PDB file of N, CA and C in Angstrom:
ATOM      1  N   MET A   1     139.301  32.408-112.333  1.00  0.00           N
ATOM      2  CA  MET A   1     138.058  32.452-112.479  1.00  0.00           C
ATOM      3  C   MET A   1     137.354  31.079-113.022  1.00  0.00           C
ATOM      4  N   SER A   2     135.886  30.106-112.451  1.00  0.00           N
ATOM      5  CA  SER A   2     135.816  29.656-112.668  1.00  0.00           C
ATOM      6  C   SER A   2     134.444  28.070-113.355  1.00  0.00           C
ATOM      7  N   VAL A   3     134.440  28.100-113.966  1.00  0.00           N
ATOM      8  CA  VAL A   3     133.954  27.281-115.484  1.00  0.00           C
ATOM      9  C   VAL A   3     132.803  28.006-115.443  1.00  0.00           C
ATOM     10  N   THR A   4     131.675  27.658-114.431  1.00  0.00           N
ATOM     11  CA  THR A   4     130.484  28.517-114.492  1.00  0.00           C
ATOM     12  C   THR A   4     130.476  29.559-114.741  1.00  0.00           C
ATOM     13  N   ARG A   5     131.455  30.757-114.633  1.00  0.00           N
ATOM     14  CA  ARG A   5     131.901  32.051-114.922  1.00  0.00           C
ATOM     15  C   ARG A   5     132.074  32.239-116.181  1.00  0.00           C
ATOM     16  N   LEU A   6     133.296  31.553-116.941  1.00  0.00           N
ATOM     17  CA  LEU A   6     133.671  31.434-117.727  1.00  0.00           C
ATOM     18  C   LEU A   6     132.495  30.933-119.085  1.00  0.00           C
ATOM     19  N   LEU A   7     131.944  30.174-118.900  1.00  0.00           N
ATOM     20  CA  LEU A   7     130.707  29.589-120.091  1.00  0.00           C
ATOM     21  C   LEU A   7     129.773  30.872-119.575  1.00  0.00           C
ATOM     22  N   ASN A   8     129.318  31.462-118.855  1.00  0.00           N
ATOM     23  CA  ASN A   8     128.546  32.318-118.608  1.00  0.00           C
ATOM     24  C   ASN A   8     129.357  33.543-119.817  1.00  0.00           C
ATOM     25  N   LEU A   9     130.074  34.238-120.006  1.00  0.00           N
ATOM     26  CA  LEU A   9     130.682  35.075-120.497  1.00  0.00           C
ATOM     27  C   LEU A   9     130.799  34.529-121.808  1.00  0.00           C
ATOM     28  N   ALA A  10     131.238  33.434-122.498  1.00  0.00           N
ATOM     29  CA  ALA A  10     131.085  32.999-123.331  1.00  0.00           C
ATOM     30  C   ALA A  10     129.567  32.820-124.205  1.00  0.00           C
ATOM     31  N   LEU A  11     128.319  32.421-123.530  1.00  0.00           N
ATOM     32  CA  LEU A  11     127.024  32.908-123.838  1.00  0.00           C
ATOM     33  C   LEU A  11     127.098  33.683-123.835  1.00  0.00           C
ATOM     34  N   ILE A  12     127.262  35.083-123.062  1.00  0.00           N
ATOM     35  CA  ILE A  12     126.674  36.491-123.390  1.00  0.00           C
ATOM     36  C   ILE A  12     127.834  36.873-124.513  1.00  0.00           C
ATOM     37  N   ALA A  13     128.663  36.437-124.868  1.00  0.00           N
ATOM     38  CA  ALA A  13     129.739  36.846-126.392  1.00  0.00           C
ATOM     39  C   ALA A  13     128.919  35.976-127.281  1.00  0.00           C
ATOM     40  N   ALA A  14     128.227  34.919-127.088  1.00  0.00           N
ATOM     41  CA  ALA A  14     126.917  34.174-128.402  1.00  0.00           C
ATOM     42  C   ALA A  14     125.713  35.089-128.589  1.00  0.00           C
ATOM     43  N   LEU A  15     125.577  35.462-127.344  1.00  0.00           N
ATOM     44  CA  LEU A  15     124.218  36.096-127.683  1.00  0.00           C
ATOM     45  C   LEU A  15     124.495  37.396-128.222  1.00  0.00           C
ATOM     46  N   ILE A  16     125.444  38.560-127.916  1.00  0.00           N
ATOM     47  CA  ILE A  16     125.943  39.559-128.231  1.00  0.00           C
ATOM     48  C   ILE A  16     125.682  39.568-129.656  1.00  0.00           C
ATOM     49  N   ALA A  17     127.180  38.315-130.769  1.00  0.00           N
ATOM     50  CA  ALA A  17     127.484  38.163-131.533  1.00  0.00           C
ATOM     51  C   ALA A  17     126.010  37.955-132.592  1.00  0.00           C
ATOM     52  N   GLY A  18     125.122  37.298-131.870  1.00  0.00           N
ATOM     53  CA  GLY A  18     123.585  36.595-132.515  1.00  0.00           C
ATOM     54  C   GLY A  18     122.812  38.250-132.655  1.00  0.00           C
ATOM     55  N   VAL A  19     122.726  38.782-131.640  1.00  0.00           N
ATOM     56  CA  VAL A  19     122.347  40.003-131.896  1.00  0.00           C
ATOM     57  C   VAL A  19     122.659  40.771-133.138  1.00  0.00           C
ATOM     58  N   VAL A  20     124.185  41.363-132.408  1.00  0.00           N
ATOM     59  CA  VAL A  20     124.621  42.299-133.939  1.00  0.00           C
ATOM     60  C   VAL A  20     124.641  41.509-135.134  1.00  0.00           C
ATOM     61  N   MET A  21     124.544  40.149-135.572  1.00  0.00           N
ATOM     62  CA  MET A  21     124.141  39.147-136.559  1.00  0.00           C
ATOM     63  C   MET A  21     122.925  38.900-137.022  1.00  0.00           C
ATOM     64  N   THR A  22     121.935  38.969-136.034  1.00  0.00           N
ATOM     65  CA  THR A  22     120.543  39.821-136.275  1.00  0.00           C
ATOM     66  C   THR A  22     119.878  40.961-137.012  1.00  0.00           C
ATOM     67  N   TYR A  23     120.794  42.410-136.076  1.00  0.00           N
ATOM     68  CA  TYR A  23     120.190  43.027-136.582  1.00  0.00           C
ATOM     69  C   TYR A  23     120.803  44.029-138.246  1.00  0.00           C
ATOM     70  N   GLN A  24     122.012  42.590-138.674  1.00  0.00           N
ATOM     71  CA  GLN A  24     122.322  43.168-139.832  1.00  0.00           C
ATOM     72  C   GLN A  24     122.150  42.368-140.636  1.00  0.00           C
ATOM     73  N   THR A  25     121.419  41.277-140.798  1.00  0.00           N
ATOM     74  CA  THR A  25     120.740  40.877-141.265  1.00  0.00           C
ATOM     75  C   THR A  25     119.253  41.332-141.665  1.00  0.00           C
ATOM     76  N   LYS A  26     118.608  42.684-140.565  1.00  0.00           N
ATOM     77  CA  LYS A  26     117.215  43.283-140.565  1.00  0.00           C
ATOM     78  C   LYS A  26     117.846  44.180-141.500  1.00  0.00           C
ATOM     79  N   LEU A  27     118.976  44.681-141.581  1.00  0.00           N
ATOM     80  CA  LEU A  27     119.494  46.049-141.924  1.00  0.00           C
ATOM     81  C   LEU A  27     118.725  45.492-143.396  1.00  0.00           C
ATOM     82  N   ARG A  28     120.010  44.490-144.254  1.00  0.00           N
ATOM     83  CA  ARG A  28     120.192  43.714-145.421  1.00  0.00           C
ATOM     84  C   ARG A  28     118.428  43.742-145.675  1.00  0.00           C
ATOM     85  N   THR A  29     117.948  43.039-145.162  1.00  0.00           N
ATOM     86  CA  THR A  29     116.147  43.046-145.549  1.00  0.00           C
ATOM     87  C   THR A  29     115.614  43.939-145.920  1.00  0.00           C
ATOM     88  N   GLU A  30     115.818  45.241-145.405  1.00  0.00           N
ATOM     89  CA  GLU A  30     114.805  46.325-145.472  1.00  0.00           C
ATOM     90  C   GLU A  30     115.450  46.983-146.394  1.00  0.00           C
ATOM     91  N   SER A  31     116.707  46.719-146.793  1.00  0.00           N
ATOM     92  CA  SER A  31     117.524  47.362-147.532  1.00  0.00           C
ATOM     93  C   SER A  31     117.268  46.716-149.284  1.00  0.00           C
ATOM     94  N   ALA A  32     116.947  45.313-149.377  1.00  0.00           N
ATOM     95  CA  ALA A  32     116.529  44.483-150.513  1.00  0.00           C
ATOM     96  C   ALA A  32     114.974  44.678-150.899  1.00  0.00           C
ATOM     97  N   ALA A  33     114.742  45.238-149.220  1.00  0.00           N
ATOM     98  CA  ALA A  33     112.958  45.064-149.456  1.00  0.00           C
ATOM     99  C   ALA A  33     112.672  46.306-150.374  1.00  0.00           C
ATOM    100  N   GLU A  34     113.785  47.635-150.082  1.00  0.00           N
ATOM    101  CA  GLU A  34     113.576  48.946-150.428  1.00  0.00           C
ATOM    102  C   GLU A  34     114.197  48.982-151.709  1.00  0.00           C
ATOM    103  N   GLU A  35     114.891  47.890-152.329  1.00  0.00           N
ATOM    104  CA  GLU A  35     114.936  47.764-153.701  1.00  0.00           C
ATOM    105  C   GLU A  35     113.992  47.210-154.748  1.00  0.00           C
ATOM    106  N   VAL A  36     113.659  46.165-153.763  1.00  0.00           N
ATOM    107  CA  VAL A  36     112.651  45.684-154.733  1.00  0.00           C
ATOM    108  C   VAL A  36     111.367  46.136-155.041  1.00  0.00           C
ATOM    109  N   ALA A  37     110.960  47.485-153.669  1.00  0.00           N
ATOM    110  CA  ALA A  37     109.813  48.901-153.996  1.00  0.00           C
ATOM    111  C   ALA A  37     110.225  49.312-155.251  1.00  0.00           C
ATOM    112  N   LYS A  38     111.417  49.723-155.445  1.00  0.00           N
ATOM    113  CA  LYS A  38     112.452  50.867-155.905  1.00  0.00           C
ATOM    114  C   LYS A  38     111.564  50.517-157.563  1.00  0.00           C
ATOM    115  N   LEU A  39     111.972  49.244-157.726  1.00  0.00           N
ATOM    116  CA  LEU A  39     112.317  48.174-159.398  1.00  0.00           C
ATOM    117  C   LEU A  39     110.720  47.943-159.533  1.00  0.00           C
ATOM    118  N   GLN A  40     110.095  47.515-158.807  1.00  0.00           N
ATOM    119  CA  GLN A  40     108.342  47.252-158.669  1.00  0.00           C
ATOM    120  C   GLN A  40     108.020  48.710-159.252  1.00  0.00           C
ATOM    121  N   ARG A  41     108.458  49.709-159.033  1.00  0.00           N
ATOM    122  CA  ARG A  41     107.821  51.104-159.055  1.00  0.00           C
ATOM    123  C   ARG A  41     108.283  51.236-160.767  1.00  0.00           C
ATOM    124  N   GLU A  42     109.432  50.800-161.129  1.00  0.00           N
ATOM    125  CA  GLU A  42     110.205  51.151-161.998  1.00  0.00           C
ATOM    126  C   GLU A  42     108.999  50.582-163.044  1.00  0.00           C
ATOM    127  N   ILE A  43     109.108  49.275-162.809  1.00  0.00           N
ATOM    128  CA  ILE A  43     108.712  48.596-163.707  1.00  0.00           C
ATOM    129  C   ILE A  43     106.949  48.545-164.114  1.00  0.00           C
ATOM    130  N   ASP A  44     106.488  49.631-162.776  1.00  0.00           N
ATOM    131  CA  ASP A  44     105.186  50.042-163.201  1.00  0.00           C
ATOM    132  C   ASP A  44     104.861  51.310-164.314  1.00  0.00           C
ATOM    133  N   ARG A  45     106.121  52.100-163.862  1.00  0.00           N
ATOM    134  CA  ARG A  45     106.391  53.412-164.819  1.00  0.00           C
ATOM    135  C   ARG A  45     106.257  53.011-165.922  1.00  0.00           C
ATOM    136  N   GLU A  46     107.202  51.754-166.368  1.00  0.00           N
ATOM    137  CA  GLU A  46     108.010  51.595-167.970  1.00  0.00           C
ATOM    138  C   GLU A  46     106.381  50.467-168.615  1.00  0.00           C
ATOM    139  N   GLU A  47     105.513  49.501-167.726  1.00  0.00           N
ATOM    140  CA  GLU A  47     104.274  48.891-167.862  1.00  0.00           C
ATOM    141  C   GLU A  47     103.449  50.161-168.844  1.00  0.00           C
ATOM    142  N   GLY A  48     103.142  51.394-168.001  1.00  0.00           N
ATOM    143  CA  GLY A  48     102.527  52.348-168.473  1.00  0.00           C
ATOM    144  C   GLY A  48     102.690  53.394-169.507  1.00  0.00           C
ATOM    145  N   GLU A  49     104.133  53.308-170.029  1.00  0.00           N
ATOM    146  CA  GLU A  49     104.847  54.030-171.213  1.00  0.00           C
ATOM    147  C   GLU A  49     104.504  53.075-172.113  1.00  0.00           C
ATOM    148  N   ILE A  50     104.974  51.690-171.850  1.00  0.00           N
ATOM    149  CA  ILE A  50     104.719  50.990-172.959  1.00  0.00           C
ATOM    150  C   ILE A  50     102.952  50.776-173.460  1.00  0.00           C
ATOM    151  N   ALA A  51     102.331  50.823-172.591  1.00  0.00           N
ATOM    152  CA  ALA A  51     100.905  51.270-172.668  1.00  0.00           C
ATOM    153  C   ALA A  51     100.276  52.212-173.563  1.00  0.00           C
ATOM    154  N   LEU A  52     100.943  53.475-173.524  1.00  0.00           N
ATOM    155  CA  LEU A  52     100.881  54.436-173.645  1.00  0.00           C
ATOM    156  C   LEU A  52     101.394  54.420-175.125  1.00  0.00           C
ATOM    157  N   LEU A  53     102.860  53.988-175.521  1.00  0.00           N
ATOM    158  CA  LEU A  53     103.599  53.656-176.882  1.00  0.00           C
ATOM    159  C   LEU A  53     102.021  53.107-177.642  1.00  0.00           C
ATOM    160  N   ARG A  54     101.897  51.733-177.238  1.00  0.00           N
ATOM    161  CA  ARG A  54     100.982  50.785-177.676  1.00  0.00           C
ATOM    162  C   ARG A  54      99.898  52.337-178.211  1.00  0.00           C
ATOM    163  N   ALA A  55      99.081  52.790-177.575  1.00  0.00           N
ATOM    164  CA  ALA A  55      97.723  52.787-178.080  1.00  0.00           C
ATOM    165  C   ALA A  55      98.385  53.887-178.887  1.00  0.00           C
ATOM    166  N   GLU A  56      99.409  55.035-178.355  1.00  0.00           N
ATOM    167  CA  GLU A  56     100.003  55.631-179.604  1.00  0.00           C
ATOM    168  C   GLU A  56      99.851  54.926-180.806  1.00  0.00           C
ATOM    169  N   LEU A  57     100.620  54.067-181.278  1.00  0.00           N
ATOM    170  CA  LEU A  57     101.175  53.138-182.264  1.00  0.00           C
ATOM    171  C   LEU A  57      99.238  52.903-182.851  1.00  0.00           C
ATOM    172  N   SER A  58      98.535  52.329-181.873  1.00  0.00           N
ATOM    173  CA  SER A  58      97.348  52.105-182.846  1.00  0.00           C
ATOM    174  C   SER A  58      96.473  53.394-183.550  1.00  0.00           C
ATOM    175  N   MET A  59      96.507  54.581-182.408  1.00  0.00           N
ATOM    176  CA  MET A  59      96.262  55.461-183.178  1.00  0.00           C
ATOM    177  C   MET A  59      96.458  56.045-184.988  1.00  0.00           C
ATOM    178  N   LEU A  60      98.284  56.204-184.662  1.00  0.00           N
ATOM    179  CA  LEU A  60      98.826  56.502-185.637  1.00  0.00           C
ATOM    180  C   LEU A  60      98.456  55.378-186.822  1.00  0.00           C
ATOM    181  N   THR A  61      98.262  53.582-186.780  1.00  0.00           N
ATOM    182  CA  THR A  61      98.535  53.292-187.723  1.00  0.00           C
ATOM    183  C   THR A  61      96.823  52.894-188.285  1.00  0.00           C
ATOM    184  N   GLN A  62      96.141  54.122-187.918  1.00  0.00           N
ATOM    185  CA  GLN A  62      94.474  53.546-188.189  1.00  0.00           C
ATOM    186  C   GLN A  62      94.577  54.262-189.742  1.00  0.00           C
ATOM    187  N   PRO A  63      94.137  53.263-190.623  1.00  0.00           N
ATOM    188  CA  PRO A  63      93.413  53.284-191.972  1.00  0.00           C
ATOM    189  C   PRO A  63      93.431  54.768-192.151  1.00  0.00           C
ATOM    190  N   GLY A  64      92.333  55.359-191.828  1.00  0.00           N
ATOM    191  CA  GLY A  64      92.113  56.759-191.702  1.00  0.00           C
ATOM    192  C   GLY A  64      92.656  57.424-191.956  1.00  0.00           C
ATOM    193  N   ARG A  65      93.416  57.613-191.155  1.00  0.00           N
ATOM    194  CA  ARG A  65      94.581  58.699-190.258  1.00  0.00           C
ATOM    195  C   ARG A  65      95.558  58.359-191.940  1.00  0.00           C
ATOM    196  N   LEU A  66      96.182  57.480-191.567  1.00  0.00           N
ATOM    197  CA  LEU A  66      96.873  57.107-192.671  1.00  0.00           C
ATOM    198  C   LEU A  66      96.556  57.939-194.140  1.00  0.00           C
ATOM    199  N   GLN A  67      95.128  57.625-194.441  1.00  0.00           N
ATOM    200  CA  GLN A  67      94.560  57.720-195.625  1.00  0.00           C
ATOM    201  C   GLN A  67      94.412  59.424-195.758  1.00  0.00           C
ATOM    202  N   GLU A  68      93.813  60.358-194.610  1.00  0.00           N
ATOM    203  CA  GLU A  68      94.296  61.746-194.888  1.00  0.00           C
ATOM    204  C   GLU A  68      95.775  62.409-194.528  1.00  0.00           C
ATOM    205  N   VAL A  69      96.615  61.644-194.093  1.00  0.00           N
ATOM    206  CA  VAL A  69      98.495  61.628-194.390  1.00  0.00           C
ATOM    207  C   VAL A  69      98.923  61.787-195.656  1.00  0.00           C
ATOM    208  N   VAL A  70      98.415  60.027-196.384  1.00  0.00           N
ATOM    209  CA  VAL A  70      98.716  60.381-197.448  1.00  0.00           C
ATOM    210  C   VAL A  70      98.087  61.316-198.614  1.00  0.00           C
ATOM    211  N   GLU A  71      96.954  61.410-198.720  1.00  0.00           N
ATOM    212  CA  GLU A  71      96.591  62.399-199.782  1.00  0.00           C
ATOM    213  C   GLU A  71      96.784  64.023-199.189  1.00  0.00           C
ATOM    214  N   GLN A  72      97.462  64.054-197.291  1.00  0.00           N
ATOM    215  CA  GLN A  72      97.855  65.521-197.326  1.00  0.00           C
ATOM    216  C   GLN A  72      99.608  66.170-198.231  1.00  0.00           C
ATOM    217  N   HIS A  73      99.927  64.747-198.307  1.00  0.00           N
ATOM    218  CA  HIS A  73     101.436  64.595-198.741  1.00  0.00           C
ATOM    219  C   HIS A  73     101.404  64.124-199.900  1.00  0.00           C
ATOM    220  N   SER A  74     100.229  63.770-200.995  1.00  0.00           N
ATOM    221  CA  SER A  74     100.397  63.172-202.432  1.00  0.00           C
ATOM    222  C   SER A  74     101.653  63.877-202.922  1.00  0.00           C
ATOM    223  N   ASP A  75     101.934  65.537-203.197  1.00  0.00           N
ATOM    224  CA  ASP A  75     102.614  65.522-204.338  1.00  0.00           C
ATOM    225  C   ASP A  75     104.187  65.347-203.621  1.00  0.00           C
ATOM    226  N   TYR A  76     104.456  65.665-202.524  1.00  0.00           N
ATOM    227  CA  TYR A  76     105.935  65.014-201.671  1.00  0.00           C
ATOM    228  C   TYR A  76     106.038  63.415-202.013  1.00  0.00           C
ATOM    229  N   PHE A  77     105.438  62.370-201.740  1.00  0.00           N
ATOM    230  CA  PHE A  77     105.498  61.068-201.898  1.00  0.00           C
ATOM    231  C   PHE A  77     105.316  60.483-203.229  1.00  0.00           C
ATOM    232  N   ARG A  78     104.381  61.218-203.917  1.00  0.00           N
ATOM    233  CA  ARG A  78     104.203  60.608-205.339  1.00  0.00           C
ATOM    234  C   ARG A  78     103.526  59.246-205.445  1.00  0.00           C
ATOM    235  N   LEU A  79     102.441  58.954-204.485  1.00  0.00           N
ATOM    236  CA  LEU A  79     101.911  57.808-204.331  1.00  0.00           C
ATOM    237  C   LEU A  79     100.925  57.545-205.293  1.00  0.00           C
ATOM    238  N   VAL A  80     100.425  56.377-205.764  1.00  0.00           N
ATOM    239  CA  VAL A  80      99.683  56.343-206.541  1.00  0.00           C
ATOM    240  C   VAL A  80      98.761  55.238-206.166  1.00  0.00           C
ATOM    241  N   PRO A  81      97.536  54.777-206.585  1.00  0.00           N
ATOM    242  CA  PRO A  81      96.916  54.221-205.527  1.00  0.00           C
ATOM    243  C   PRO A  81      97.507  52.624-206.581  1.00  0.00           C
ATOM    244  N   PHE A  82      97.224  51.578-205.925  1.00  0.00           N
ATOM    245  CA  PHE A  82      97.614  50.449-206.352  1.00  0.00           C
ATOM    246  C   PHE A  82      96.590  49.796-207.365  1.00  0.00           C
ATOM    247  N   ALA A  83      97.063  49.123-208.265  1.00  0.00           N
ATOM    248  CA  ALA A  83      96.262  48.133-208.985  1.00  0.00           C
ATOM    249  C   ALA A  83      96.611  46.816-209.411  1.00  0.00           C
ATOM    250  N   ALA A  84      95.331  46.263-209.690  1.00  0.00           N
ATOM    251  CA  ALA A  84      95.819  45.206-209.931  1.00  0.00           C
ATOM    252  C   ALA A  84      96.669  44.205-211.058  1.00  0.00           C
ATOM    253  N   ASP A  85      97.163  45.380-211.624  1.00  0.00           N
ATOM    254  CA  ASP A  85      97.417  44.852-213.264  1.00  0.00           C
ATOM    255  C   ASP A  85      98.615  45.066-213.108  1.00  0.00           C
ATOM    256  N   LYS A  86      99.356  45.656-211.748  1.00  0.00           N
ATOM    257  CA  LYS A  86     100.534  45.833-211.529  1.00  0.00           C
ATOM    258  C   LYS A  86     101.269  44.813-210.561  1.00  0.00           C
ATOM    259  N   LEU A  87     100.645  43.505-210.475  1.00  0.00           N
ATOM    260  CA  LEU A  87     101.095  42.034-210.286  1.00  0.00           C
ATOM    261  C   LEU A  87     101.805  41.481-211.211  1.00  0.00           C
ATOM    262  N   GLY A  88     102.522  40.844-210.861  1.00  0.00           N
ATOM    263  CA  GLY A  88     103.769  39.811-211.397  1.00  0.00           C
ATOM    264  C   GLY A  88     103.354  38.471-211.375  1.00  0.00           C
ATOM    265  N   SER A  89     104.411  37.810-211.618  1.00  0.00           N
ATOM    266  CA  SER A  89     104.832  36.359-211.271  1.00  0.00           C
ATOM    267  C   SER A  89     106.524  36.302-211.165  1.00  0.00           C
ATOM    268  N   ILE A  90     106.590  35.405-210.450  1.00  0.00           N
ATOM    269  CA  ILE A  90     108.134  35.021-210.240  1.00  0.00           C
ATOM    270  C   ILE A  90     108.958  35.014-211.680  1.00  0.00           C
ATOM    271  N   ASP A  91     108.653  34.285-212.459  1.00  0.00           N
ATOM    272  CA  ASP A  91     109.159  34.403-213.929  1.00  0.00           C
ATOM    273  C   ASP A  91     109.198  36.111-214.091  1.00  0.00           C
ATOM    274  N   GLU A  92     109.028  36.891-213.949  1.00  0.00           N
ATOM    275  CA  GLU A  92     109.187  37.997-214.229  1.00  0.00           C
ATOM    276  C   GLU A  92     110.270  38.819-213.409  1.00  0.00           C
ATOM    277  N   ILE A  93     110.731  38.555-212.573  1.00  0.00           N
ATOM    278  CA  ILE A  93     112.035  38.952-211.492  1.00  0.00           C
ATOM    279  C   ILE A  93     113.309  38.555-212.683  1.00  0.00           C
ATOM    280  N   PRO A  94     113.794  39.718-212.813  1.00  0.00           N
ATOM    281  CA  PRO A  94     115.225  38.996-213.621  1.00  0.00           C
ATOM    282  C   PRO A  94     116.002  38.624-212.606  1.00  0.00           C
ATOM    283  N   LEU A  95     116.656  37.526-212.982  1.00  0.00           N
ATOM    284  CA  LEU A  95     117.956  36.606-212.564  1.00  0.00           C
ATOM    285  C   LEU A  95     118.923  37.397-212.292  1.00  0.00           C
ATOM    286  N   ARG A  96     119.808  37.208-211.543  1.00  0.00           N
ATOM    287  CA  ARG A  96     121.303  37.695-211.571  1.00  0.00           C
ATOM    288  C   ARG A  96     122.313  37.291-212.389  1.00  0.00           C
ATOM    289  N   GLU A  97     122.746  38.272-212.532  1.00  0.00           N
ATOM    290  CA  GLU A  97     123.991  37.964-214.165  1.00  0.00           C
ATOM    291  C   GLU A  97     124.935  37.017-212.987  1.00  0.00           C
ATOM    292  N   GLY A  98     125.538  35.884-214.142  1.00  0.00           N
ATOM    293  CA  GLY A  98     126.650  35.084-213.430  1.00  0.00           C
ATOM    294  C   GLY A  98     125.845  34.481-213.300  1.00  0.00           C
ATOM    295  N   GLY A  99     124.456  33.392-214.231  1.00  0.00           N
ATOM    296  CA  GLY A  99     123.976  32.336-213.994  1.00  0.00           C
ATOM    297  C   GLY A  99     123.587  32.339-212.649  1.00  0.00           C
ATOM    298  N   THR A 100     122.704  30.948-212.316  1.00  0.00           N
ATOM    299  CA  THR A 100     121.824  30.942-210.643  1.00  0.00           C
ATOM    300  C   THR A 100     122.375  29.288-211.109  1.00  0.00           C
ATOM    301  N   ASP A 101     122.183  28.802-209.915  1.00  0.00           N
ATOM    302  CA  ASP A 101     122.205  27.074-209.379  1.00  0.00           C
ATOM    303  C   ASP A 101     121.073  26.821-209.995  1.00  0.00           C
ATOM    304  N   ASP A 102     121.405  25.491-210.655  1.00  0.00           N
ATOM    305  CA  ASP A 102     119.839  24.817-211.078  1.00  0.00           C
ATOM    306  C   ASP A 102     119.237  24.347-210.147  1.00  0.00           C
ATOM    307  N   ASP A 103     119.978  24.458-208.528  1.00  0.00           N
ATOM    308  CA  ASP A 103     118.917  23.766-207.186  1.00  0.00           C
ATOM    309  C   ASP A 103     118.157  25.371-207.264  1.00  0.00           C
ATOM    310  N   ALA A 104     118.221  26.351-207.347  1.00  0.00           N
ATOM    311  CA  ALA A 104     118.082  27.499-206.889  1.00  0.00           C
ATOM    312  C   ALA A 104     116.765  28.065-207.890  1.00  0.00           C
ATOM    313  N   ARG A 105     117.383  27.461-209.396  1.00  0.00           N
ATOM    314  CA  ARG A 105     115.970  27.561-210.564  1.00  0.00           C
ATOM    315  C   ARG A 105     115.009  26.708-210.216  1.00  0.00           C
ATOM    316  N   GLU A 106     115.642  25.407-209.708  1.00  0.00           N
ATOM    317  CA  GLU A 106     114.609  24.337-209.723  1.00  0.00           C
ATOM    318  C   GLU A 106     113.361  24.932-208.617  1.00  0.00           C
ATOM    319  N   THR A 107     114.348  25.168-207.808  1.00  0.00           N
ATOM    320  CA  THR A 107     113.061  25.826-205.792  1.00  0.00           C
ATOM    321  C   THR A 107     112.383  26.776-206.514  1.00  0.00           C
ATOM    322  N   LEU A 108     113.103  27.831-207.525  1.00  0.00           N
ATOM    323  CA  LEU A 108     111.921  28.819-207.674  1.00  0.00           C
ATOM    324  C   LEU A 108     110.728  28.493-208.522  1.00  0.00           C
ATOM    325  N   ALA A 109     111.273  27.603-209.279  1.00  0.00           N
ATOM    326  CA  ALA A 109     110.554  26.940-210.142  1.00  0.00           C
ATOM    327  C   ALA A 109     108.817  26.588-209.067  1.00  0.00           C
ATOM    328  N   ARG A 110     109.354  25.721-208.235  1.00  0.00           N
ATOM    329  CA  ARG A 110     108.404  24.867-207.024  1.00  0.00           C
ATOM    330  C   ARG A 110     107.663  26.111-206.306  1.00  0.00           C
ATOM    331  N   LEU A 111     108.003  26.772-206.118  1.00  0.00           N
ATOM    332  CA  LEU A 111     107.562  28.084-205.559  1.00  0.00           C
ATOM    333  C   LEU A 111     107.208  28.883-206.241  1.00  0.00           C
ATOM    334  N   ALA A 112     106.716  28.273-207.650  1.00  0.00           N
ATOM    335  CA  ALA A 112     105.887  29.668-208.557  1.00  0.00           C
ATOM    336  C   ALA A 112     104.828  28.623-208.557  1.00  0.00           C
ATOM    337  N   ALA A 113     105.172  26.947-208.796  1.00  0.00           N
ATOM    338  CA  ALA A 113     103.888  26.197-208.833  1.00  0.00           C
ATOM    339  C   ALA A 113     102.811  25.806-207.493  1.00  0.00           C
ATOM    340  N   GLY A 114     103.787  26.477-206.379  1.00  0.00           N
ATOM    341  CA  GLY A 114     102.474  26.440-205.044  1.00  0.00           C
ATOM    342  C   GLY A 114     103.583  24.984-204.478  1.00  0.00           C
ATOM    343  N   GLU A 115     104.092  24.507-205.246  1.00  0.00           N
ATOM    344  CA  GLU A 115     104.149  23.044-203.810  1.00  0.00           C
ATOM    345  C   GLU A 115     105.118  22.777-203.385  1.00  0.00           C
ATOM    346  N   VAL A 116     106.167  24.070-202.531  1.00  0.00           N
ATOM    347  CA  VAL A 116     106.666  24.678-201.572  1.00  0.00           C
ATOM    348  C   VAL A 116     106.196  25.370-200.792  1.00  0.00           C
ATOM    349  N   ARG A 117     106.070  25.235-199.624  1.00  0.00           N
ATOM    350  CA  ARG A 117     105.671  26.140-198.613  1.00  0.00           C
ATOM    351  C   ARG A 117     106.865  26.455-197.590  1.00  0.00           C
TER     352      ARG A 117
END
């Protein structure tokens, strides 16, 4: 065989290998594009569900609706209106038995005085 014939056969083999690799790359690219489209559809569906759940939460937590539920089930929950005289101070909170840390006592006193935020 001549050198030209061997060169032509090598070039044909390289061309065939290039075509095969190009086709495999095309197939992988199409598969990846399908996967991206599938994931995008799933994201869109999830975002729609999130928007629906937010709207439902907004509806369920409307003060007027909550008031109706409280009135409807007042005998079960035994809720009473909040009164201002029910407020207390930090000094009225009982301390744990077994003593407290002096630093904790000082911090609580500073919190009550509004010195610590």
